[in-house]
Every structure is written in structure tokens, then in C-alpha cells.
Amino acid sequence: MARRIPIISYNEELSIKKPQVYKSLIEGVSEAIKTNNNEIKLCEIKSTNTYLTVHKNNWSSSLASALNFYIEQEEYEKCSEIKNLIHKI
């Protein structure tokens, strides 16, 4: 299945899109590890054809933020998936 990159309005509260953005982060890092890429497209800014990207150097810290989010949400399967990704980096 093709990965869906979230689209965010320029002035939109990012906190509203956290679930979509973190899902995109996890899928993007997982895909990048498999394809040996050093950067992922995290989300697109609506109507600008501009993407927010995350370089490999920042994957671990970004995934740590996602881990904290999923711990708060009590989504422990996602937590396990994130921990596995961090170990693969």
C-alpha cells in the first residue's frame, strides 16, 4: 500500500494533526530503512508543493517524541513498533 503523506494548512495547529504526522513519521522511517534513504517526507504544506522533511540524523529524536505521544495515548503496539525502528537506525 502506498504511503499517504499528510497535508497541513500553513496556519493550522500542528497538534491537531499529531496522529497523522506521527503515523507518517513511523511509516516514512520504516520505508526509508528498507530502501536505504537518508531523508523522509513527513508532511506537505497545503497548496505550496512544499514538504517538511526529516533527515536520518533526526529520526531517533523524532521517533522518541512519537513514542511519548503513543505512551500517553496508551497505544502500546505502536510503542513497540517505534522501539524496533529506533534499534534499526
C-alpha atoms as a PDB file:
ATOM      1  CA  MET A   1       0.000   0.000   0.000  1.00  0.00           C
ATOM      2  CA  ALA A   2       1.302   3.438  -0.894  1.00  0.00           C
ATOM      3  CA  ARG A   3       2.202   5.739   1.963  1.00  0.00           C
ATOM      4  CA  ARG A   4      -0.087   8.746   2.444  1.00  0.00           C
ATOM      5  CA  ILE A   5       1.732  11.937   3.371  1.00  0.00           C
ATOM      6  CA  PRO A   6      -0.483  14.252   5.458  1.00  0.00           C
ATOM      7  CA  ILE A   7      -1.310  17.689   4.064  1.00  0.00           C
ATOM      8  CA  ILE A   8      -1.268  20.543   6.547  1.00  0.00           C
ATOM      9  CA  SER A   9      -2.577  24.068   6.056  1.00  0.00           C
ATOM     10  CA  TYR A  10       0.058  26.735   6.611  1.00  0.00           C
ATOM     11  CA  ASN A  11      -1.683  28.236   9.647  1.00  0.00           C
ATOM     12  CA  GLU A  12      -3.161  25.002  11.026  1.00  0.00           C
ATOM     13  CA  GLU A  13      -2.398  23.895  14.560  1.00  0.00           C
ATOM     14  CA  LEU A  14       0.074  21.055  14.220  1.00  0.00           C
ATOM     15  CA  SER A  15      -1.235  19.499  17.440  1.00  0.00           C
ATOM     16  CA  ILE A  16      -4.497  18.693  15.634  1.00  0.00           C
ATOM     17  CA  LYS A  17      -2.577  16.654  13.063  1.00  0.00           C
ATOM     18  CA  LYS A  18      -0.241  14.891  15.528  1.00  0.00           C
ATOM     19  CA  PRO A  19      -1.704  11.422  14.960  1.00  0.00           C
ATOM     20  CA  GLN A  20      -1.373  11.729  11.176  1.00  0.00           C
ATOM     21  CA  VAL A  21       2.107  13.274  11.370  1.00  0.00           C
ATOM     22  CA  TYR A  22       3.448  10.637  13.768  1.00  0.00           C
ATOM     23  CA  LYS A  23       1.930   7.868  11.638  1.00  0.00           C
ATOM     24  CA  SER A  24       3.656   9.401   8.611  1.00  0.00           C
ATOM     25  CA  LEU A  25       6.930   9.543  10.555  1.00  0.00           C
ATOM     26  CA  ILE A  26       6.761   5.868  11.525  1.00  0.00           C
ATOM     27  CA  GLU A  27       5.810   4.729   8.016  1.00  0.00           C
ATOM     28  CA  GLY A  28       8.383   7.021   6.412  1.00  0.00           C
ATOM     29  CA  VAL A  29      11.274   5.883   8.593  1.00  0.00           C
ATOM     30  CA  SER A  30      10.309   2.235   8.151  1.00  0.00           C
ATOM     31  CA  GLU A  31      10.193   2.667   4.372  1.00  0.00           C
ATOM     32  CA  ALA A  32      13.466   4.653   4.314  1.00  0.00           C
ATOM     33  CA  ILE A  33      15.283   1.952   6.293  1.00  0.00           C
ATOM     34  CA  LYS A  34      14.151  -0.668   3.756  1.00  0.00           C
ATOM     35  CA  THR A  35      15.112   1.487   0.756  1.00  0.00           C
ATOM     36  CA  ASN A  36      18.289   2.917   2.324  1.00  0.00           C
ATOM     37  CA  ASN A  37      17.157   6.560   2.049  1.00  0.00           C
ATOM     38  CA  ASN A  38      18.556   9.291   4.295  1.00  0.00           C
ATOM     39  CA  GLU A  39      15.506  11.553   4.389  1.00  0.00           C
ATOM     40  CA  ILE A  40      11.740  11.218   4.583  1.00  0.00           C
ATOM     41  CA  LYS A  41       8.889  13.494   3.585  1.00  0.00           C
ATOM     42  CA  LEU A  42       6.935  13.991   6.794  1.00  0.00           C
ATOM     43  CA  CYS A  43       4.066  16.159   5.544  1.00  0.00           C
ATOM     44  CA  GLU A  44       3.120  18.593   2.801  1.00  0.00           C
ATOM     45  CA  ILE A  45       2.174  22.239   3.275  1.00  0.00           C
ATOM     46  CA  LYS A  46      -1.192  22.659   1.534  1.00  0.00           C
ATOM     47  CA  SER A  47      -1.184  24.427  -1.854  1.00  0.00           C
ATOM     48  CA  THR A  48       2.571  25.114  -1.804  1.00  0.00           C
ATOM     49  CA  ASN A  49       4.098  21.892  -3.163  1.00  0.00           C
ATOM     50  CA  THR A  50       6.490  22.158  -0.180  1.00  0.00           C
ATOM     51  CA  TYR A  51       7.315  19.242   2.085  1.00  0.00           C
ATOM     52  CA  LEU A  52       8.591  19.158   5.641  1.00  0.00           C
ATOM     53  CA  THR A  53      11.341  16.561   5.692  1.00  0.00           C
ATOM     54  CA  VAL A  54      13.232  14.732   8.418  1.00  0.00           C
ATOM     55  CA  HIS A  55      16.861  13.777   7.836  1.00  0.00           C
ATOM     56  CA  LYS A  56      18.219  10.496   9.153  1.00  0.00           C
ATOM     57  CA  ASN A  57      20.206  12.361  11.849  1.00  0.00           C
ATOM     58  CA  ASN A  58      16.886  13.400  13.429  1.00  0.00           C
ATOM     59  CA  TRP A  59      14.935  10.150  13.129  1.00  0.00           C
ATOM     60  CA  SER A  60      15.760   8.860  16.622  1.00  0.00           C
ATOM     61  CA  SER A  61      14.749  12.070  18.385  1.00  0.00           C
ATOM     62  CA  SER A  62      11.610  12.382  16.256  1.00  0.00           C
ATOM     63  CA  LEU A  63      10.667   8.782  16.972  1.00  0.00           C
ATOM     64  CA  ALA A  64      11.270   9.407  20.697  1.00  0.00           C
ATOM     65  CA  SER A  65       8.670  12.204  20.526  1.00  0.00           C
ATOM     66  CA  ALA A  66       6.281   9.865  18.756  1.00  0.00           C
ATOM     67  CA  LEU A  67       6.928   7.227  21.422  1.00  0.00           C
ATOM     68  CA  ASN A  68       5.962   9.681  24.169  1.00  0.00           C
ATOM     69  CA  PHE A  69       2.783  10.561  22.269  1.00  0.00           C
ATOM     70  CA  TYR A  70       1.756   6.906  21.884  1.00  0.00           C
ATOM     71  CA  ILE A  71       2.562   6.154  25.539  1.00  0.00           C
ATOM     72  CA  GLU A  72       0.147   8.962  26.515  1.00  0.00           C
ATOM     73  CA  GLN A  73      -2.440   7.501  24.125  1.00  0.00           C
ATOM     74  CA  GLU A  74      -1.819   4.024  25.571  1.00  0.00           C
ATOM     75  CA  GLU A  75      -1.199   2.600  22.095  1.00  0.00           C
ATOM     76  CA  TYR A  76       1.436   0.118  23.146  1.00  0.00           C
ATOM     77  CA  GLU A  77       1.615  -1.758  19.835  1.00  0.00           C
ATOM     78  CA  LYS A  78       2.768   1.487  18.202  1.00  0.00           C
ATOM     79  CA  CYS A  79       5.277   1.937  21.046  1.00  0.00           C
ATOM     80  CA  SER A  80       6.755  -1.479  20.304  1.00  0.00           C
ATOM     81  CA  GLU A  81       6.940  -0.672  16.589  1.00  0.00           C
ATOM     82  CA  ILE A  82       8.720   2.621  17.330  1.00  0.00           C
ATOM     83  CA  LYS A  83      11.231   0.960  19.670  1.00  0.00           C
ATOM     84  CA  ASN A  84      12.049  -1.575  16.949  1.00  0.00           C
ATOM     85  CA  LEU A  85      12.633   1.223  14.443  1.00  0.00           C
ATOM     86  CA  ILE A  86      14.910   3.102  16.852  1.00  0.00           C
ATOM     87  CA  HIS A  87      17.009  -0.059  17.271  1.00  0.00           C
ATOM     88  CA  LYS A  88      17.291  -0.451  13.474  1.00  0.00           C
ATOM     89  CA  ILE A  89      18.587   3.085  12.914  1.00  0.00           C
END
